[in-house]
Amino acid sequence: LEKNASGIVIVVDDKDQFVGTVTDGDIRREML
């Protein structure tokens, strides 16, 4: 997230199929 500065990452499975997204806010909530 820091490297690409987009504010979002795209999560894929082992077959490179789209699973979902994660934002920095999602991570903050999980850490809390």
Full PDB file with SEQRES, HELIX, SHEET, SSBOND, CRYST1, ORIGX, SCALE, CONECT and MASTER records, all heavy atoms in Angstrom:
SEQRES   1 A   32  LEU GLU LYS ASN ALA SER GLY ILE VAL ILE VAL VAL ASP          
SEQRES   2 A   32  ASP LYS ASP GLN PHE VAL GLY THR VAL THR ASP GLY ASP          
SEQRES   3 A   32  ILE ARG ARG GLU MET LEU                                      
HELIX    1 AA1 ASP A   24  MET A   31  1                                   8    
SHEET    1 AA1 2 ILE A   8  VAL A  12  0                                        
SHEET    2 AA1 2 PHE A  18  THR A  23 -1                                        
CRYST1    1.000    1.000    1.000  90.00  90.00  90.00 P 1           1          
ORIGX1      1.000000  0.000000  0.000000        0.00000                         
ORIGX2      0.000000  1.000000  0.000000        0.00000                         
ORIGX3      0.000000  0.000000  1.000000        0.00000                         
SCALE1      1.000000  0.000000  0.000000        0.00000                         
SCALE2      0.000000  1.000000  0.000000        0.00000                         
SCALE3      0.000000  0.000000  1.000000        0.00000                         
ATOM      1  N   LEU A   1       0.832  -1.208   0.000  1.00  0.00           N  
ATOM      2  CA  LEU A   1       0.000   0.000   0.000  1.00  0.00           C  
ATOM      3  C   LEU A   1       0.864   1.254   0.000  1.00  0.00           C  
ATOM      4  O   LEU A   1       0.568   2.220  -0.714  1.00  0.00           O  
ATOM      5  CB  LEU A   1      -0.931   0.014   1.214  1.00  0.00           C  
ATOM      6  CG  LEU A   1      -2.189  -0.819   1.120  1.00  0.00           C  
ATOM      7  CD1 LEU A   1      -2.827  -0.968   2.488  1.00  0.00           C  
ATOM      8  CD2 LEU A   1      -3.167  -0.204   0.143  1.00  0.00           C  
ATOM      9  N   GLU A   2       1.919   1.242   0.774  1.00  0.00           N  
ATOM     10  CA  GLU A   2       2.827   2.393   0.835  1.00  0.00           C  
ATOM     11  C   GLU A   2       3.570   2.566  -0.488  1.00  0.00           C  
ATOM     12  O   GLU A   2       3.757   3.673  -0.977  1.00  0.00           O  
ATOM     13  CB  GLU A   2       3.816   2.205   1.984  1.00  0.00           C  
ATOM     14  CG  GLU A   2       4.783   3.345   2.152  1.00  0.00           C  
ATOM     15  CD  GLU A   2       4.116   4.618   2.625  1.00  0.00           C  
ATOM     16  OE1 GLU A   2       3.050   4.559   3.259  1.00  0.00           O  
ATOM     17  OE2 GLU A   2       4.685   5.688   2.349  1.00  0.00           O  
ATOM     18  N   LYS A   3       3.980   1.453  -1.066  1.00  0.00           N  
ATOM     19  CA  LYS A   3       4.764   1.489  -2.302  1.00  0.00           C  
ATOM     20  C   LYS A   3       3.958   2.006  -3.479  1.00  0.00           C  
ATOM     21  O   LYS A   3       4.431   2.841  -4.240  1.00  0.00           O  
ATOM     22  CB  LYS A   3       5.295   0.092  -2.615  1.00  0.00           C  
ATOM     23  CG  LYS A   3       6.109   0.004  -3.875  1.00  0.00           C  
ATOM     24  CD  LYS A   3       6.577  -1.411  -4.115  1.00  0.00           C  
ATOM     25  CE  LYS A   3       7.264  -1.521  -5.460  1.00  0.00           C  
ATOM     26  NZ  LYS A   3       7.581  -2.909  -5.778  1.00  0.00           N  
ATOM     27  N   ASN A   4       2.723   1.521  -3.636  1.00  0.00           N  
ATOM     28  CA  ASN A   4       1.953   1.911  -4.820  1.00  0.00           C  
ATOM     29  C   ASN A   4       1.119   3.167  -4.606  1.00  0.00           C  
ATOM     30  O   ASN A   4       0.600   3.732  -5.556  1.00  0.00           O  
ATOM     31  CB  ASN A   4       1.097   0.752  -5.346  1.00  0.00           C  
ATOM     32  CG  ASN A   4      -0.033   0.368  -4.436  1.00  0.00           C  
ATOM     33  OD1 ASN A   4      -0.650   1.206  -3.781  1.00  0.00           O  
ATOM     34  ND2 ASN A   4      -0.339  -0.912  -4.385  1.00  0.00           N  
ATOM     35  N   ALA A   5       0.978   3.598  -3.373  1.00  0.00           N  
ATOM     36  CA  ALA A   5       0.282   4.850  -3.028  1.00  0.00           C  
ATOM     37  C   ALA A   5      -1.119   4.954  -3.621  1.00  0.00           C  
ATOM     38  O   ALA A   5      -1.635   6.042  -3.797  1.00  0.00           O  
ATOM     39  CB  ALA A   5       1.124   6.048  -3.439  1.00  0.00           C  
ATOM     40  N   SER A   6      -1.736   3.814  -3.903  1.00  0.00           N  
ATOM     41  CA  SER A   6      -3.085   3.838  -4.464  1.00  0.00           C  
ATOM     42  C   SER A   6      -4.151   3.812  -3.383  1.00  0.00           C  
ATOM     43  O   SER A   6      -5.298   4.158  -3.626  1.00  0.00           O  
ATOM     44  CB  SER A   6      -3.294   2.637  -5.390  1.00  0.00           C  
ATOM     45  OG  SER A   6      -3.258   1.439  -4.639  1.00  0.00           O  
ATOM     46  N   GLY A   7      -3.779   3.353  -2.177  1.00  0.00           N  
ATOM     47  CA  GLY A   7      -4.733   3.262  -1.090  1.00  0.00           C  
ATOM     48  C   GLY A   7      -5.545   1.981  -1.108  1.00  0.00           C  
ATOM     49  O   GLY A   7      -6.433   1.789  -0.280  1.00  0.00           O  
ATOM     50  N   ILE A   8      -5.236   1.083  -2.064  1.00  0.00           N  
ATOM     51  CA  ILE A   8      -5.983  -0.164  -2.174  1.00  0.00           C  
ATOM     52  C   ILE A   8      -5.083  -1.252  -2.753  1.00  0.00           C  
ATOM     53  O   ILE A   8      -4.187  -0.971  -3.547  1.00  0.00           O  
ATOM     54  CB  ILE A   8      -7.242   0.025  -3.060  1.00  0.00           C  
ATOM     55  CG1 ILE A   8      -8.191  -1.155  -2.938  1.00  0.00           C  
ATOM     56  CG2 ILE A   8      -6.865   0.308  -4.499  1.00  0.00           C  
ATOM     57  CD1 ILE A   8      -9.543  -0.916  -3.561  1.00  0.00           C  
ATOM     58  N   VAL A   9      -5.307  -2.484  -2.303  1.00  0.00           N  
ATOM     59  CA  VAL A   9      -4.662  -3.637  -2.919  1.00  0.00           C  
ATOM     60  C   VAL A   9      -5.757  -4.602  -3.363  1.00  0.00           C  
ATOM     61  O   VAL A   9      -6.839  -4.650  -2.787  1.00  0.00           O  
ATOM     62  CB  VAL A   9      -3.657  -4.347  -1.982  1.00  0.00           C  
ATOM     63  CG1 VAL A   9      -2.444  -3.476  -1.737  1.00  0.00           C  
ATOM     64  CG2 VAL A   9      -4.289  -4.758  -0.681  1.00  0.00           C  
ATOM     65  N   ILE A  10      -5.453  -5.352  -4.404  1.00  0.00           N  
ATOM     66  CA  ILE A  10      -6.396  -6.308  -4.978  1.00  0.00           C  
ATOM     67  C   ILE A  10      -5.956  -7.701  -4.563  1.00  0.00           C  
ATOM     68  O   ILE A  10      -4.808  -8.091  -4.795  1.00  0.00           O  
ATOM     69  CB  ILE A  10      -6.429  -6.186  -6.510  1.00  0.00           C  
ATOM     70  CG1 ILE A  10      -6.831  -4.761  -6.900  1.00  0.00           C  
ATOM     71  CG2 ILE A  10      -7.365  -7.220  -7.118  1.00  0.00           C  
ATOM     72  CD1 ILE A  10      -6.593  -4.431  -8.349  1.00  0.00           C  
ATOM     73  N   VAL A  11      -6.858  -8.435  -3.949  1.00  0.00           N  
ATOM     74  CA  VAL A  11      -6.539  -9.768  -3.439  1.00  0.00           C  
ATOM     75  C   VAL A  11      -6.994 -10.814  -4.458  1.00  0.00           C  
ATOM     76  O   VAL A  11      -8.120 -10.770  -4.945  1.00  0.00           O  
ATOM     77  CB  VAL A  11      -7.226 -10.017  -2.077  1.00  0.00           C  
ATOM     78  CG1 VAL A  11      -6.842 -11.382  -1.529  1.00  0.00           C  
ATOM     79  CG2 VAL A  11      -6.863  -8.916  -1.084  1.00  0.00           C  
ATOM     80  N   VAL A  12      -6.072 -11.748  -4.770  1.00  0.00           N  
ATOM     81  CA  VAL A  12      -6.371 -12.823  -5.721  1.00  0.00           C  
ATOM     82  C   VAL A  12      -6.075 -14.165  -5.065  1.00  0.00           C  
ATOM     83  O   VAL A  12      -5.297 -14.252  -4.119  1.00  0.00           O  
ATOM     84  CB  VAL A  12      -5.547 -12.670  -7.021  1.00  0.00           C  
ATOM     85  CG1 VAL A  12      -5.963 -11.424  -7.788  1.00  0.00           C  
ATOM     86  CG2 VAL A  12      -4.062 -12.652  -6.747  1.00  0.00           C  
ATOM     87  N   ASP A  13      -6.703 -15.216  -5.596  1.00  0.00           N  
ATOM     88  CA  ASP A  13      -6.462 -16.560  -5.069  1.00  0.00           C  
ATOM     89  C   ASP A  13      -5.284 -17.215  -5.787  1.00  0.00           C  
ATOM     90  O   ASP A  13      -4.577 -16.561  -6.566  1.00  0.00           O  
ATOM     91  CB  ASP A  13      -7.731 -17.412  -5.160  1.00  0.00           C  
ATOM     92  CG  ASP A  13      -8.206 -17.663  -6.577  1.00  0.00           C  
ATOM     93  OD1 ASP A  13      -7.444 -17.417  -7.546  1.00  0.00           O  
ATOM     94  OD2 ASP A  13      -9.356 -18.105  -6.742  1.00  0.00           O  
ATOM     95  N   ASP A  14      -5.079 -18.508  -5.563  1.00  0.00           N  
ATOM     96  CA  ASP A  14      -3.956 -19.235  -6.154  1.00  0.00           C  
ATOM     97  C   ASP A  14      -4.019 -19.310  -7.675  1.00  0.00           C  
ATOM     98  O   ASP A  14      -3.009 -19.531  -8.331  1.00  0.00           O  
ATOM     99  CB  ASP A  14      -3.878 -20.652  -5.590  1.00  0.00           C  
ATOM    100  CG  ASP A  14      -3.546 -20.659  -4.110  1.00  0.00           C  
ATOM    101  OD1 ASP A  14      -2.972 -19.652  -3.628  1.00  0.00           O  
ATOM    102  OD2 ASP A  14      -3.860 -21.647  -3.435  1.00  0.00           O  
ATOM    103  N   LYS A  15      -5.210 -19.119  -8.232  1.00  0.00           N  
ATOM    104  CA  LYS A  15      -5.395 -19.155  -9.686  1.00  0.00           C  
ATOM    105  C   LYS A  15      -5.450 -17.750 -10.281  1.00  0.00           C  
ATOM    106  O   LYS A  15      -5.869 -17.570 -11.405  1.00  0.00           O  
ATOM    107  CB  LYS A  15      -6.671 -19.921 -10.029  1.00  0.00           C  
ATOM    108  CG  LYS A  15      -6.627 -21.369  -9.599  1.00  0.00           C  
ATOM    109  CD  LYS A  15      -7.926 -22.065  -9.898  1.00  0.00           C  
ATOM    110  CE  LYS A  15      -7.890 -23.482  -9.368  1.00  0.00           C  
ATOM    111  NZ  LYS A  15      -9.168 -24.174  -9.559  1.00  0.00           N  
ATOM    112  N   ASP A  16      -5.029 -16.761  -9.487  1.00  0.00           N  
ATOM    113  CA  ASP A  16      -5.051 -15.350  -9.878  1.00  0.00           C  
ATOM    114  C   ASP A  16      -6.454 -14.839 -10.208  1.00  0.00           C  
ATOM    115  O   ASP A  16      -6.623 -13.939 -11.021  1.00  0.00           O  
ATOM    116  CB  ASP A  16      -4.104 -15.073 -11.046  1.00  0.00           C  
ATOM    117  CG  ASP A  16      -2.655 -15.105 -10.630  1.00  0.00           C  
ATOM    118  OD1 ASP A  16      -2.382 -14.889  -9.424  1.00  0.00           O  
ATOM    119  OD2 ASP A  16      -1.780 -15.329 -11.483  1.00  0.00           O  
ATOM    120  N   GLN A  17      -7.447 -15.420  -9.546  1.00  0.00           N  
ATOM    121  CA  GLN A  17      -8.818 -14.965  -9.697  1.00  0.00           C  
ATOM    122  C   GLN A  17      -9.123 -13.932  -8.620  1.00  0.00           C  
ATOM    123  O   GLN A  17      -8.724 -14.091  -7.466  1.00  0.00           O  
ATOM    124  CB  GLN A  17      -9.804 -16.139  -9.563  1.00  0.00           C  
ATOM    125  CG  GLN A  17      -9.636 -17.188 -10.641  1.00  0.00           C  
ATOM    126  CD  GLN A  17     -10.034 -16.675 -12.000  1.00  0.00           C  
ATOM    127  OE1 GLN A  17     -11.074 -16.048 -12.158  1.00  0.00           O  
ATOM    128  NE2 GLN A  17      -9.194 -16.929 -12.989  1.00  0.00           N  
ATOM    129  N   PHE A  18      -9.843 -12.895  -8.994  1.00  0.00           N  
ATOM    130  CA  PHE A  18     -10.193 -11.826  -8.069  1.00  0.00           C  
ATOM    131  C   PHE A  18     -10.988 -12.362  -6.883  1.00  0.00           C  
ATOM    132  O   PHE A  18     -11.941 -13.103  -7.049  1.00  0.00           O  
ATOM    133  CB  PHE A  18     -11.018 -10.767  -8.812  1.00  0.00           C  
ATOM    134  CG  PHE A  18     -11.524  -9.665  -7.942  1.00  0.00           C  
ATOM    135  CD1 PHE A  18     -10.700  -8.625  -7.568  1.00  0.00           C  
ATOM    136  CD2 PHE A  18     -12.843  -9.661  -7.497  1.00  0.00           C  
ATOM    137  CE1 PHE A  18     -11.170  -7.597  -6.767  1.00  0.00           C  
ATOM    138  CE2 PHE A  18     -13.326  -8.639  -6.703  1.00  0.00           C  
ATOM    139  CZ  PHE A  18     -12.485  -7.603  -6.340  1.00  0.00           C  
ATOM    140  N   VAL A  19     -10.561 -11.972  -5.669  1.00  0.00           N  
ATOM    141  CA  VAL A  19     -11.256 -12.354  -4.446  1.00  0.00           C  
ATOM    142  C   VAL A  19     -11.895 -11.128  -3.807  1.00  0.00           C  
ATOM    143  O   VAL A  19     -13.030 -11.169  -3.358  1.00  0.00           O  
ATOM    144  CB  VAL A  19     -10.299 -13.032  -3.441  1.00  0.00           C  
ATOM    145  CG1 VAL A  19     -10.996 -13.310  -2.119  1.00  0.00           C  
ATOM    146  CG2 VAL A  19      -9.717 -14.298  -4.024  1.00  0.00           C  
ATOM    147  N   GLY A  20     -11.159 -10.022  -3.762  1.00  0.00           N  
ATOM    148  CA  GLY A  20     -11.680  -8.815  -3.145  1.00  0.00           C  
ATOM    149  C   GLY A  20     -10.614  -7.741  -3.039  1.00  0.00           C  
ATOM    150  O   GLY A  20      -9.577  -7.816  -3.687  1.00  0.00           O  
ATOM    151  N   THR A  21     -10.878  -6.756  -2.191  1.00  0.00           N  
ATOM    152  CA  THR A  21      -9.958  -5.638  -2.021  1.00  0.00           C  
ATOM    153  C   THR A  21      -9.672  -5.400  -0.542  1.00  0.00           C  
ATOM    154  O   THR A  21     -10.435  -5.829   0.323  1.00  0.00           O  
ATOM    155  CB  THR A  21     -10.540  -4.344  -2.608  1.00  0.00           C  
ATOM    156  OG1 THR A  21     -11.765  -4.033  -1.937  1.00  0.00           O  
ATOM    157  CG2 THR A  21     -10.782  -4.469  -4.106  1.00  0.00           C  
ATOM    158  N   VAL A  22      -8.581  -4.705  -0.289  1.00  0.00           N  
ATOM    159  CA  VAL A  22      -8.222  -4.293   1.066  1.00  0.00           C  
ATOM    160  C   VAL A  22      -7.695  -2.864   0.986  1.00  0.00           C  
ATOM    161  O   VAL A  22      -6.866  -2.555   0.128  1.00  0.00           O  
ATOM    162  CB  VAL A  22      -7.145  -5.207   1.684  1.00  0.00           C  
ATOM    163  CG1 VAL A  22      -6.699  -4.689   3.033  1.00  0.00           C  
ATOM    164  CG2 VAL A  22      -7.653  -6.631   1.810  1.00  0.00           C  
ATOM    165  N   THR A  23      -8.190  -2.017   1.871  1.00  0.00           N  
ATOM    166  CA  THR A  23      -7.696  -0.646   1.960  1.00  0.00           C  
ATOM    167  C   THR A  23      -6.936  -0.464   3.268  1.00  0.00           C  
ATOM    168  O   THR A  23      -6.999  -1.321   4.158  1.00  0.00           O  
ATOM    169  CB  THR A  23      -8.847   0.378   1.909  1.00  0.00           C  
ATOM    170  OG1 THR A  23      -9.656   0.207   3.079  1.00  0.00           O  
ATOM    171  CG2 THR A  23      -9.685   0.210   0.654  1.00  0.00           C  
ATOM    172  N   ASP A  24      -6.270   0.665   3.387  1.00  0.00           N  
ATOM    173  CA  ASP A  24      -5.557   0.926   4.634  1.00  0.00           C  
ATOM    174  C   ASP A  24      -6.539   1.036   5.801  1.00  0.00           C  
ATOM    175  O   ASP A  24      -6.241   0.635   6.918  1.00  0.00           O  
ATOM    176  CB  ASP A  24      -4.674   2.164   4.528  1.00  0.00           C  
ATOM    177  CG  ASP A  24      -5.431   3.416   4.120  1.00  0.00           C  
ATOM    178  OD1 ASP A  24      -6.561   3.312   3.627  1.00  0.00           O  
ATOM    179  OD2 ASP A  24      -4.870   4.510   4.298  1.00  0.00           O  
ATOM    180  N   GLY A  25      -7.729   1.537   5.554  1.00  0.00           N  
ATOM    181  CA  GLY A  25      -8.758   1.618   6.595  1.00  0.00           C  
ATOM    182  C   GLY A  25      -9.206   0.251   7.068  1.00  0.00           C  
ATOM    183  O   GLY A  25      -9.444   0.046   8.268  1.00  0.00           O  
ATOM    184  N   ASP A  26      -9.315  -0.701   6.152  1.00  0.00           N  
ATOM    185  CA  ASP A  26      -9.665  -2.077   6.524  1.00  0.00           C  
ATOM    186  C   ASP A  26      -8.617  -2.658   7.465  1.00  0.00           C  
ATOM    187  O   ASP A  26      -8.940  -3.323   8.452  1.00  0.00           O  
ATOM    188  CB  ASP A  26      -9.766  -2.972   5.283  1.00  0.00           C  
ATOM    189  CG  ASP A  26     -10.858  -2.547   4.328  1.00  0.00           C  
ATOM    190  OD1 ASP A  26     -11.901  -2.044   4.784  1.00  0.00           O  
ATOM    191  OD2 ASP A  26     -10.659  -2.721   3.110  1.00  0.00           O  
ATOM    192  N   ILE A  27      -7.358  -2.381   7.159  1.00  0.00           N  
ATOM    193  CA  ILE A  27      -6.270  -2.887   7.997  1.00  0.00           C  
ATOM    194  C   ILE A  27      -6.292  -2.219   9.364  1.00  0.00           C  
ATOM    195  O   ILE A  27      -6.126  -2.883  10.390  1.00  0.00           O  
ATOM    196  CB  ILE A  27      -4.914  -2.707   7.290  1.00  0.00           C  
ATOM    197  CG1 ILE A  27      -4.856  -3.632   6.071  1.00  0.00           C  
ATOM    198  CG2 ILE A  27      -3.755  -2.980   8.246  1.00  0.00           C  
ATOM    199  CD1 ILE A  27      -3.638  -3.453   5.192  1.00  0.00           C  
ATOM    200  N   ARG A  28      -6.541  -0.916   9.411  1.00  0.00           N  
ATOM    201  CA  ARG A  28      -6.614  -0.217  10.705  1.00  0.00           C  
ATOM    202  C   ARG A  28      -7.713  -0.802  11.571  1.00  0.00           C  
ATOM    203  O   ARG A  28      -7.519  -1.056  12.765  1.00  0.00           O  
ATOM    204  CB  ARG A  28      -6.869   1.282  10.491  1.00  0.00           C  
ATOM    205  CG  ARG A  28      -5.635   2.055  10.127  1.00  0.00           C  
ATOM    206  CD  ARG A  28      -5.866   3.550  10.259  1.00  0.00           C  
ATOM    207  NE  ARG A  28      -7.017   4.045   9.525  1.00  0.00           N  
ATOM    208  CZ  ARG A  28      -6.980   4.484   8.272  1.00  0.00           C  
ATOM    209  NH1 ARG A  28      -5.846   4.492   7.614  1.00  0.00           N  
ATOM    210  NH2 ARG A  28      -8.066   4.925   7.688  1.00  0.00           N  
ATOM    211  N   ARG A  29      -8.883  -1.062  10.991  1.00  0.00           N  
ATOM    212  CA  ARG A  29      -9.988  -1.633  11.751  1.00  0.00           C  
ATOM    213  C   ARG A  29      -9.632  -3.027  12.271  1.00  0.00           C  
ATOM    214  O   ARG A  29      -9.960  -3.381  13.406  1.00  0.00           O  
ATOM    215  CB  ARG A  29     -11.261  -1.674  10.909  1.00  0.00           C  
ATOM    216  CG  ARG A  29     -11.941  -0.322  10.791  1.00  0.00           C  
ATOM    217  CD  ARG A  29     -13.271  -0.410  10.074  1.00  0.00           C  
ATOM    218  NE  ARG A  29     -13.116  -0.659   8.640  1.00  0.00           N  
ATOM    219  CZ  ARG A  29     -12.813   0.282   7.743  1.00  0.00           C  
ATOM    220  NH1 ARG A  29     -12.622   1.516   8.118  1.00  0.00           N  
ATOM    221  NH2 ARG A  29     -12.710  -0.021   6.470  1.00  0.00           N  
ATOM    222  N   GLU A  30      -8.955  -3.820  11.454  1.00  0.00           N  
ATOM    223  CA  GLU A  30      -8.548  -5.165  11.874  1.00  0.00           C  
ATOM    224  C   GLU A  30      -7.531  -5.097  13.015  1.00  0.00           C  
ATOM    225  O   GLU A  30      -7.595  -5.881  13.959  1.00  0.00           O  
ATOM    226  CB  GLU A  30      -7.957  -5.931  10.687  1.00  0.00           C  
ATOM    227  CG  GLU A  30      -7.675  -7.375  10.967  1.00  0.00           C  
ATOM    228  CD  GLU A  30      -8.921  -8.211  11.209  1.00  0.00           C  
ATOM    229  OE1 GLU A  30     -10.021  -7.868  10.746  1.00  0.00           O  
ATOM    230  OE2 GLU A  30      -8.780  -9.258  11.888  1.00  0.00           O  
ATOM    231  N   MET A  31      -6.614  -4.153  12.942  1.00  0.00           N  
ATOM    232  CA  MET A  31      -5.609  -3.987  13.998  1.00  0.00           C  
ATOM    233  C   MET A  31      -6.271  -3.555  15.306  1.00  0.00           C  
ATOM    234  O   MET A  31      -5.862  -3.989  16.382  1.00  0.00           O  
ATOM    235  CB  MET A  31      -4.542  -2.975  13.579  1.00  0.00           C  
ATOM    236  CG  MET A  31      -3.742  -3.355  12.342  1.00  0.00           C  
ATOM    237  SD  MET A  31      -2.780  -4.850  12.519  1.00  0.00           S  
ATOM    238  CE  MET A  31      -1.542  -4.302  13.646  1.00  0.00           C  
ATOM    239  N   LEU A  32      -7.295  -2.718  15.219  1.00  0.00           N  
ATOM    240  CA  LEU A  32      -8.012  -2.293  16.426  1.00  0.00           C  
ATOM    241  C   LEU A  32      -8.741  -3.460  17.092  1.00  0.00           C  
ATOM    242  O   LEU A  32      -9.010  -3.428  18.287  1.00  0.00           O  
ATOM    243  CB  LEU A  32      -8.997  -1.167  16.106  1.00  0.00           C  
ATOM    244  CG  LEU A  32      -8.357   0.183  15.810  1.00  0.00           C  
ATOM    245  CD1 LEU A  32      -9.406   1.169  15.297  1.00  0.00           C  
ATOM    246  CD2 LEU A  32      -7.665   0.728  17.043  1.00  0.00           C  
TER     247      LEU A  32                                                      
MASTER        0    0    0    1    2    0    0    6  246    1    0    3          
END                                                                             
